[in-house]
Every structure is written in C-alpha cells, then in structure tokens.
C-alpha cells in the first residue's frame, strides 16, 4: 500500500510587540503559538513613548513564538482532494 498523503510540517515564527524589558516577563504569545524565548525575551528592539511634542525611543524586549502547522499535501503521483493515484 503506497502512501498517498505526504503532509508538510511548517514552522511559523513570529515575534511579540516590543515593550519595556521589565514588563516582558508577562508577555504571552498569541493563541496556538509556543513561546521559545524565556525570561524577559530578546533585547533586540525599541519602543516609543510620546511625551507632549516629542517621541522618545527606548530599548525594549520581545519574545519569539513558534507554531507547528501541518499542510496537507499529496505524495508524488497522487493528486486531488483525496490524493487519488493514476
């Protein structure tokens, strides 16, 4: 019996919004995503505060998140919604 379905595993990565590092401990990833950084996250971004007429920029932190996603795909030589062969 030849396999008809050869699903592709995709990893989707994203980063959370940049916030002050001290506040980033509490940051959660969106539903379905797993946090792959811990503590205060990665200090690789800047966030902005508007004070009257000025916008100030401060170093901040964010978290990296990951989601595994299976994309249905037919094996070679099969096609269609139920992956029928020749």
PDB file of N, CA and C in Angstrom:
ATOM      1  N   UNK A   1       0.856  -1.200   0.000  1.00  0.00           N
ATOM      2  CA  UNK A   1       0.000   0.000   0.000  1.00  0.00           C
ATOM      3  C   UNK A   1       0.890   1.247   0.000  1.00  0.00           C
ATOM      4  N   UNK A   2       0.847   1.977  -1.101  1.00  0.00           N
ATOM      5  CA  UNK A   2       1.654   3.206  -1.173  1.00  0.00           C
ATOM      6  C   UNK A   2       0.979   4.334  -0.407  1.00  0.00           C
ATOM      7  N   UNK A   3       1.815   5.140   0.229  1.00  0.00           N
ATOM      8  CA  UNK A   3       1.271   6.292   0.956  1.00  0.00           C
ATOM      9  C   UNK A   3       0.781   7.330  -0.041  1.00  0.00           C
ATOM     10  N   UNK A   4      -0.425   7.830   0.193  1.00  0.00           N
ATOM     11  CA  UNK A   4      -0.986   8.826  -0.722  1.00  0.00           C
ATOM     12  C   UNK A   4      -0.801  10.246  -0.187  1.00  0.00           C
ATOM     13  N   UNK A   5      -0.834  10.353   1.133  1.00  0.00           N
ATOM     14  CA  UNK A   5      -0.778  11.670   1.767  1.00  0.00           C
ATOM     15  C   UNK A   5       0.618  11.907   2.339  1.00  0.00           C
ATOM     16  N   UNK A   6       1.265  12.987   1.920  1.00  0.00           N
ATOM     17  CA  UNK A   6       2.583  13.348   2.442  1.00  0.00           C
ATOM     18  C   UNK A   6       2.516  14.773   2.981  1.00  0.00           C
ATOM     19  N   UNK A   7       1.913  14.936   4.164  1.00  0.00           N
ATOM     20  CA  UNK A   7       1.740  16.277   4.725  1.00  0.00           C
ATOM     21  C   UNK A   7       3.077  16.949   4.998  1.00  0.00           C
ATOM     22  N   UNK A   8       3.127  18.236   4.773  1.00  0.00           N
ATOM     23  CA  UNK A   8       4.325  19.027   5.042  1.00  0.00           C
ATOM     24  C   UNK A   8       4.187  19.679   6.410  1.00  0.00           C
ATOM     25  N   UNK A   9       5.244  19.558   7.226  1.00  0.00           N
ATOM     26  CA  UNK A   9       5.235  20.263   8.511  1.00  0.00           C
ATOM     27  C   UNK A   9       5.872  21.627   8.324  1.00  0.00           C
ATOM     28  N   UNK A  10       5.123  22.667   8.678  1.00  0.00           N
ATOM     29  CA  UNK A  10       5.647  24.023   8.561  1.00  0.00           C
ATOM     30  C   UNK A  10       5.807  24.616   9.953  1.00  0.00           C
ATOM     31  N   UNK A  11       6.882  25.366  10.146  1.00  0.00           N
ATOM     32  CA  UNK A  11       7.055  26.086  11.398  1.00  0.00           C
ATOM     33  C   UNK A  11       6.826  27.566  11.123  1.00  0.00           C
ATOM     34  N   UNK A  12       5.871  28.140  11.814  1.00  0.00           N
ATOM     35  CA  UNK A  12       5.600  29.556  11.655  1.00  0.00           C
ATOM     36  C   UNK A  12       6.184  30.265  12.872  1.00  0.00           C
ATOM     37  N   UNK A  13       7.048  31.244  12.613  1.00  0.00           N
ATOM     38  CA  UNK A  13       7.662  32.001  13.709  1.00  0.00           C
ATOM     39  C   UNK A  13       7.150  33.429  13.687  1.00  0.00           C
ATOM     40  N   UNK A  14       7.029  34.026  14.850  1.00  0.00           N
ATOM     41  CA  UNK A  14       6.671  35.440  14.925  1.00  0.00           C
ATOM     42  C   UNK A  14       7.268  36.013  16.193  1.00  0.00           C
ATOM     43  N   UNK A  15       7.280  37.334  16.280  1.00  0.00           N
ATOM     44  CA  UNK A  15       7.785  37.990  17.494  1.00  0.00           C
ATOM     45  C   UNK A  15       6.684  38.845  18.085  1.00  0.00           C
ATOM     46  N   UNK A  16       6.662  38.921  19.417  1.00  0.00           N
ATOM     47  CA  UNK A  16       5.652  39.737  20.083  1.00  0.00           C
ATOM     48  C   UNK A  16       6.052  41.219  19.964  1.00  0.00           C
ATOM     49  N   UNK A  17       5.149  42.072  20.351  1.00  0.00           N
ATOM     50  CA  UNK A  17       5.390  43.517  20.286  1.00  0.00           C
ATOM     51  C   UNK A  17       6.522  43.908  21.227  1.00  0.00           C
ATOM     52  N   UNK A  18       7.227  44.956  20.871  1.00  0.00           N
ATOM     53  CA  UNK A  18       8.324  45.445  21.707  1.00  0.00           C
ATOM     54  C   UNK A  18       7.777  46.217  22.904  1.00  0.00           C
ATOM     55  N   UNK A  19       8.198  45.825  24.102  1.00  0.00           N
ATOM     56  CA  UNK A  19       7.760  46.504  25.327  1.00  0.00           C
ATOM     57  C   UNK A  19       8.970  46.678  26.253  1.00  0.00           C
ATOM     58  N   UNK A  20       8.847  47.497  27.324  1.00  0.00           N
ATOM     59  CA  UNK A  20       9.955  47.575  28.294  1.00  0.00           C
ATOM     60  C   UNK A  20      10.294  46.169  28.799  1.00  0.00           C
ATOM     61  N   UNK A  21      11.578  45.862  28.877  1.00  0.00           N
ATOM     62  CA  UNK A  21      12.006  44.501  29.244  1.00  0.00           C
ATOM     63  C   UNK A  21      11.399  44.033  30.565  1.00  0.00           C
ATOM     64  N   UNK A  22      11.257  44.960  31.524  1.00  0.00           N
ATOM     65  CA  UNK A  22      10.712  44.568  32.825  1.00  0.00           C
ATOM     66  C   UNK A  22       9.268  44.091  32.717  1.00  0.00           C
ATOM     67  N   UNK A  23       8.545  44.560  31.702  1.00  0.00           N
ATOM     68  CA  UNK A  23       7.146  44.155  31.527  1.00  0.00           C
ATOM     69  C   UNK A  23       7.020  42.903  30.660  1.00  0.00           C
ATOM     70  N   UNK A  24       8.110  42.529  30.005  1.00  0.00           N
ATOM     71  CA  UNK A  24       8.022  41.461  29.010  1.00  0.00           C
ATOM     72  C   UNK A  24       7.935  40.066  29.620  1.00  0.00           C
ATOM     73  N   UNK A  25       8.246  39.942  30.922  1.00  0.00           N
ATOM     74  CA  UNK A  25       8.110  38.641  31.595  1.00  0.00           C
ATOM     75  C   UNK A  25       6.692  38.088  31.440  1.00  0.00           C
ATOM     76  N   UNK A  26       5.719  38.988  31.469  1.00  0.00           N
ATOM     77  CA  UNK A  26       4.301  38.604  31.447  1.00  0.00           C
ATOM     78  C   UNK A  26       3.753  38.389  30.042  1.00  0.00           C
ATOM     79  N   UNK A  27       4.518  38.768  29.032  1.00  0.00           N
ATOM     80  CA  UNK A  27       4.012  38.703  27.661  1.00  0.00           C
ATOM     81  C   UNK A  27       3.719  37.270  27.236  1.00  0.00           C
ATOM     82  N   UNK A  28       2.547  37.065  26.674  1.00  0.00           N
ATOM     83  CA  UNK A  28       2.165  35.745  26.160  1.00  0.00           C
ATOM     84  C   UNK A  28       2.159  35.782  24.634  1.00  0.00           C
ATOM     85  N   UNK A  29       2.384  34.621  24.044  1.00  0.00           N
ATOM     86  CA  UNK A  29       2.283  34.501  22.594  1.00  0.00           C
ATOM     87  C   UNK A  29       0.802  34.409  22.213  1.00  0.00           C
ATOM     88  N   UNK A  30       0.488  34.713  20.952  1.00  0.00           N
ATOM     89  CA  UNK A  30      -0.905  34.557  20.518  1.00  0.00           C
ATOM     90  C   UNK A  30      -1.368  33.107  20.674  1.00  0.00           C
ATOM     91  N   UNK A  31      -2.667  32.895  20.754  1.00  0.00           N
ATOM     92  CA  UNK A  31      -3.233  31.549  20.935  1.00  0.00           C
ATOM     93  C   UNK A  31      -2.677  30.602  19.872  1.00  0.00           C
ATOM     94  N   UNK A  32      -2.267  29.420  20.304  1.00  0.00           N
ATOM     95  CA  UNK A  32      -1.760  28.422  19.368  1.00  0.00           C
ATOM     96  C   UNK A  32      -0.245  28.472  19.188  1.00  0.00           C
ATOM     97  N   UNK A  33       0.376  29.564  19.622  1.00  0.00           N
ATOM     98  CA  UNK A  33       1.829  29.696  19.498  1.00  0.00           C
ATOM     99  C   UNK A  33       2.512  29.325  20.803  1.00  0.00           C
ATOM    100  N   UNK A  34       3.714  28.789  20.702  1.00  0.00           N
ATOM    101  CA  UNK A  34       4.521  28.433  21.867  1.00  0.00           C
ATOM    102  C   UNK A  34       5.648  29.446  22.007  1.00  0.00           C
ATOM    103  N   UNK A  35       5.882  29.916  23.214  1.00  0.00           N
ATOM    104  CA  UNK A  35       6.975  30.871  23.465  1.00  0.00           C
ATOM    105  C   UNK A  35       8.288  30.105  23.438  1.00  0.00           C
ATOM    106  N   UNK A  36       9.242  30.533  22.598  1.00  0.00           N
ATOM    107  CA  UNK A  36      10.525  29.825  22.524  1.00  0.00           C
ATOM    108  C   UNK A  36      11.663  30.624  23.164  1.00  0.00           C
ATOM    109  N   UNK A  37      11.328  31.790  23.694  1.00  0.00           N
ATOM    110  CA  UNK A  37      12.312  32.543  24.473  1.00  0.00           C
ATOM    111  C   UNK A  37      11.776  32.577  25.900  1.00  0.00           C
ATOM    112  N   UNK A  38      12.643  32.815  26.865  1.00  0.00           N
ATOM    113  CA  UNK A  38      12.108  32.871  28.234  1.00  0.00           C
ATOM    114  C   UNK A  38      12.608  34.099  28.963  1.00  0.00           C
ATOM    115  N   UNK A  39      12.176  34.243  30.206  1.00  0.00           N
ATOM    116  CA  UNK A  39      12.561  35.415  30.987  1.00  0.00           C
ATOM    117  C   UNK A  39      12.006  36.679  30.362  1.00  0.00           C
ATOM    118  N   UNK A  40      12.901  37.656  30.142  1.00  0.00           N
ATOM    119  CA  UNK A  40      12.450  38.922  29.565  1.00  0.00           C
ATOM    120  C   UNK A  40      12.531  38.909  28.039  1.00  0.00           C
ATOM    121  N   UNK A  41      12.927  37.787  27.448  1.00  0.00           N
ATOM    122  CA  UNK A  41      12.934  37.684  25.989  1.00  0.00           C
ATOM    123  C   UNK A  41      14.213  38.222  25.366  1.00  0.00           C
ATOM    124  N   UNK A  42      14.093  38.721  24.141  1.00  0.00           N
ATOM    125  CA  UNK A  42      15.252  39.179  23.371  1.00  0.00           C
ATOM    126  C   UNK A  42      15.299  40.705  23.392  1.00  0.00           C
ATOM    127  N   UNK A  43      16.416  41.294  23.850  1.00  0.00           N
ATOM    128  CA  UNK A  43      16.514  42.759  23.906  1.00  0.00           C
ATOM    129  C   UNK A  43      16.968  43.335  22.565  1.00  0.00           C
ATOM    130  N   UNK A  44      16.187  43.108  21.497  1.00  0.00           N
ATOM    131  CA  UNK A  44      16.658  43.492  20.158  1.00  0.00           C
ATOM    132  C   UNK A  44      15.750  44.516  19.477  1.00  0.00           C
ATOM    133  N   UNK A  45      14.997  45.292  20.264  1.00  0.00           N
ATOM    134  CA  UNK A  45      14.050  46.194  19.609  1.00  0.00           C
ATOM    135  C   UNK A  45      13.935  47.496  20.392  1.00  0.00           C
ATOM    136  N   UNK A  46      13.178  48.434  19.839  1.00  0.00           N
ATOM    137  CA  UNK A  46      12.947  49.710  20.515  1.00  0.00           C
ATOM    138  C   UNK A  46      11.450  49.990  20.560  1.00  0.00           C
ATOM    139  N   UNK A  47      11.000  50.582  21.658  1.00  0.00           N
ATOM    140  CA  UNK A  47       9.600  51.003  21.743  1.00  0.00           C
ATOM    141  C   UNK A  47       9.574  52.513  21.924  1.00  0.00           C
ATOM    142  N   UNK A  48       8.435  53.109  21.634  1.00  0.00           N
ATOM    143  CA  UNK A  48       8.338  54.571  21.588  1.00  0.00           C
ATOM    144  C   UNK A  48       7.326  55.105  22.580  1.00  0.00           C
ATOM    145  N   UNK A  49       7.659  56.205  23.212  1.00  0.00           N
ATOM    146  CA  UNK A  49       6.741  56.897  24.119  1.00  0.00           C
ATOM    147  C   UNK A  49       6.566  58.324  23.617  1.00  0.00           C
ATOM    148  N   UNK A  50       5.330  58.735  23.509  1.00  0.00           N
ATOM    149  CA  UNK A  50       5.081  60.114  23.106  1.00  0.00           C
ATOM    150  C   UNK A  50       4.889  60.971  24.341  1.00  0.00           C
ATOM    151  N   UNK A  51       5.711  62.003  24.461  1.00  0.00           N
ATOM    152  CA  UNK A  51       5.604  62.922  25.588  1.00  0.00           C
ATOM    153  C   UNK A  51       5.408  64.321  25.020  1.00  0.00           C
ATOM    154  N   UNK A  52       4.197  64.840  25.162  1.00  0.00           N
ATOM    155  CA  UNK A  52       3.826  66.144  24.599  1.00  0.00           C
ATOM    156  C   UNK A  52       4.205  66.199  23.127  1.00  0.00           C
ATOM    157  N   UNK A  53       5.234  66.970  22.789  1.00  0.00           N
ATOM    158  CA  UNK A  53       5.553  67.136  21.367  1.00  0.00           C
ATOM    159  C   UNK A  53       6.692  66.223  20.912  1.00  0.00           C
ATOM    160  N   UNK A  54       7.221  65.444  21.833  1.00  0.00           N
ATOM    161  CA  UNK A  54       8.371  64.598  21.482  1.00  0.00           C
ATOM    162  C   UNK A  54       8.006  63.119  21.500  1.00  0.00           C
ATOM    163  N   UNK A  55       8.674  62.365  20.657  1.00  0.00           N
ATOM    164  CA  UNK A  55       8.561  60.907  20.712  1.00  0.00           C
ATOM    165  C   UNK A  55       9.924  60.381  21.138  1.00  0.00           C
ATOM    166  N   UNK A  56       9.958  59.693  22.255  1.00  0.00           N
ATOM    167  CA  UNK A  56      11.215  59.132  22.746  1.00  0.00           C
ATOM    168  C   UNK A  56      11.262  57.643  22.433  1.00  0.00           C
ATOM    169  N   UNK A  57      12.469  57.175  22.153  1.00  0.00           N
ATOM    170  CA  UNK A  57      12.645  55.769  21.804  1.00  0.00           C
ATOM    171  C   UNK A  57      13.516  55.113  22.877  1.00  0.00           C
ATOM    172  N   UNK A  58      13.097  53.943  23.356  1.00  0.00           N
ATOM    173  CA  UNK A  58      13.840  53.240  24.410  1.00  0.00           C
ATOM    174  C   UNK A  58      14.129  51.801  23.966  1.00  0.00           C
ATOM    175  N   UNK A  59      15.262  51.247  24.430  1.00  0.00           N
ATOM    176  CA  UNK A  59      15.497  49.830  24.135  1.00  0.00           C
ATOM    177  C   UNK A  59      14.455  48.976  24.840  1.00  0.00           C
ATOM    178  N   UNK A  60      13.974  47.954  24.174  1.00  0.00           N
ATOM    179  CA  UNK A  60      12.958  47.090  24.761  1.00  0.00           C
ATOM    180  C   UNK A  60      13.227  45.633  24.462  1.00  0.00           C
ATOM    181  N   UNK A  61      12.285  44.791  24.880  1.00  0.00           N
ATOM    182  CA  UNK A  61      12.409  43.351  24.670  1.00  0.00           C
ATOM    183  C   UNK A  61      11.157  42.808  23.990  1.00  0.00           C
ATOM    184  N   UNK A  62      11.315  41.660  23.367  1.00  0.00           N
ATOM    185  CA  UNK A  62      10.165  40.946  22.803  1.00  0.00           C
ATOM    186  C   UNK A  62      10.449  39.453  22.839  1.00  0.00           C
ATOM    187  N   UNK A  63       9.408  38.665  22.679  1.00  0.00           N
ATOM    188  CA  UNK A  63       9.564  37.213  22.694  1.00  0.00           C
ATOM    189  C   UNK A  63       9.410  36.638  21.301  1.00  0.00           C
ATOM    190  N   UNK A  64      10.070  35.515  21.073  1.00  0.00           N
ATOM    191  CA  UNK A  64       9.890  34.772  19.829  1.00  0.00           C
ATOM    192  C   UNK A  64       8.872  33.664  20.102  1.00  0.00           C
ATOM    193  N   UNK A  65       7.949  33.475  19.166  1.00  0.00           N
ATOM    194  CA  UNK A  65       6.904  32.463  19.299  1.00  0.00           C
ATOM    195  C   UNK A  65       6.926  31.576  18.068  1.00  0.00           C
ATOM    196  N   UNK A  66       6.456  30.346  18.252  1.00  0.00           N
ATOM    197  CA  UNK A  66       6.514  29.378  17.176  1.00  0.00           C
ATOM    198  C   UNK A  66       5.237  28.555  17.163  1.00  0.00           C
ATOM    199  N   UNK A  67       4.812  28.166  15.963  1.00  0.00           N
ATOM    200  CA  UNK A  67       3.612  27.344  15.825  1.00  0.00           C
ATOM    201  C   UNK A  67       3.897  26.295  14.772  1.00  0.00           C
ATOM    202  N   UNK A  68       3.577  25.043  15.096  1.00  0.00           N
ATOM    203  CA  UNK A  68       3.752  23.986  14.107  1.00  0.00           C
ATOM    204  C   UNK A  68       2.456  23.814  13.355  1.00  0.00           C
ATOM    205  N   UNK A  69       2.554  23.675  12.062  1.00  0.00           N
ATOM    206  CA  UNK A  69       1.387  23.682  11.206  1.00  0.00           C
ATOM    207  C   UNK A  69       1.551  22.579  10.180  1.00  0.00           C
ATOM    208  N   UNK A  70       0.576  21.691  10.063  1.00  0.00           N
ATOM    209  CA  UNK A  70       0.656  20.634   9.057  1.00  0.00           C
ATOM    210  C   UNK A  70      -0.121  21.045   7.828  1.00  0.00           C
ATOM    211  N   UNK A  71       0.574  21.113   6.714  1.00  0.00           N
ATOM    212  CA  UNK A  71      -0.092  21.444   5.460  1.00  0.00           C
ATOM    213  C   UNK A  71      -0.362  20.161   4.703  1.00  0.00           C
ATOM    214  N   UNK A  72      -1.642  19.841   4.476  1.00  0.00           N
ATOM    215  CA  UNK A  72      -1.959  18.606   3.765  1.00  0.00           C
ATOM    216  C   UNK A  72      -1.392  18.644   2.344  1.00  0.00           C
ATOM    217  N   UNK A  73      -0.708  17.585   1.974  1.00  0.00           N
ATOM    218  CA  UNK A  73      -0.141  17.515   0.638  1.00  0.00           C
ATOM    219  C   UNK A  73      -0.134  16.064   0.178  1.00  0.00           C
ATOM    220  N   UNK A  74      -0.361  15.862  -1.117  1.00  0.00           N
ATOM    221  CA  UNK A  74      -0.335  14.506  -1.667  1.00  0.00           C
ATOM    222  C   UNK A  74       1.095  14.095  -1.998  1.00  0.00           C
ATOM    223  N   UNK A  75       1.376  12.797  -1.890  1.00  0.00           N
ATOM    224  CA  UNK A  75       2.679  12.290  -2.294  1.00  0.00           C
ATOM    225  C   UNK A  75       2.789  12.362  -3.814  1.00  0.00           C
ATOM    226  N   UNK A  76       4.027  12.195  -4.321  1.00  0.00           N
ATOM    227  CA  UNK A  76       4.268  12.252  -5.753  1.00  0.00           C
ATOM    228  C   UNK A  76       3.410  11.210  -6.474  1.00  0.00           C
ATOM    229  N   UNK A  77       2.797  11.618  -7.582  1.00  0.00           N
ATOM    230  CA  UNK A  77       1.984  10.692  -8.356  1.00  0.00           C
ATOM    231  C   UNK A  77       0.535  10.652  -7.896  1.00  0.00           C
ATOM    232  N   UNK A  78       0.184  11.410  -6.854  1.00  0.00           N
ATOM    233  CA  UNK A  78      -1.199  11.468  -6.368  1.00  0.00           C
ATOM    234  C   UNK A  78      -1.675  12.912  -6.411  1.00  0.00           C
ATOM    235  N   UNK A  79      -2.977  13.087  -6.539  1.00  0.00           N
ATOM    236  CA  UNK A  79      -3.495  14.461  -6.604  1.00  0.00           C
ATOM    237  C   UNK A  79      -4.949  14.492  -6.193  1.00  0.00           C
ATOM    238  N   UNK A  80      -5.503  15.685  -6.158  1.00  0.00           N
ATOM    239  CA  UNK A  80      -6.924  15.842  -5.836  1.00  0.00           C
ATOM    240  C   UNK A  80      -7.174  15.904  -4.341  1.00  0.00           C
ATOM    241  N   UNK A  81      -8.444  16.169  -3.957  1.00  0.00           N
ATOM    242  CA  UNK A  81      -8.773  16.343  -2.547  1.00  0.00           C
ATOM    243  C   UNK A  81      -8.510  15.074  -1.721  1.00  0.00           C
ATOM    244  N   UNK A  82      -8.643  13.864  -2.319  1.00  0.00           N
ATOM    245  CA  UNK A  82      -8.368  12.654  -1.528  1.00  0.00           C
ATOM    246  C   UNK A  82      -7.099  11.942  -2.018  1.00  0.00           C
ATOM    247  N   UNK A  83      -6.223  12.675  -2.710  1.00  0.00           N
ATOM    248  CA  UNK A  83      -4.924  12.129  -3.131  1.00  0.00           C
ATOM    249  C   UNK A  83      -5.070  10.797  -3.881  1.00  0.00           C
ATOM    250  N   UNK A  84      -5.872  10.782  -4.896  1.00  0.00           N
ATOM    251  CA  UNK A  84      -6.054   9.567  -5.702  1.00  0.00           C
ATOM    252  C   UNK A  84      -4.831   9.376  -6.623  1.00  0.00           C
ATOM    253  N   UNK A  85      -4.512   8.116  -6.889  1.00  0.00           N
ATOM    254  CA  UNK A  85      -3.383   7.811  -7.774  1.00  0.00           C
ATOM    255  C   UNK A  85      -3.831   7.805  -9.226  1.00  0.00           C
ATOM    256  N   UNK A  86      -2.928   7.352 -10.098  1.00  0.00           N
ATOM    257  CA  UNK A  86      -3.226   7.289 -11.534  1.00  0.00           C
ATOM    258  C   UNK A  86      -4.346   6.276 -11.788  1.00  0.00           C
TER     259      UNK A  86
END
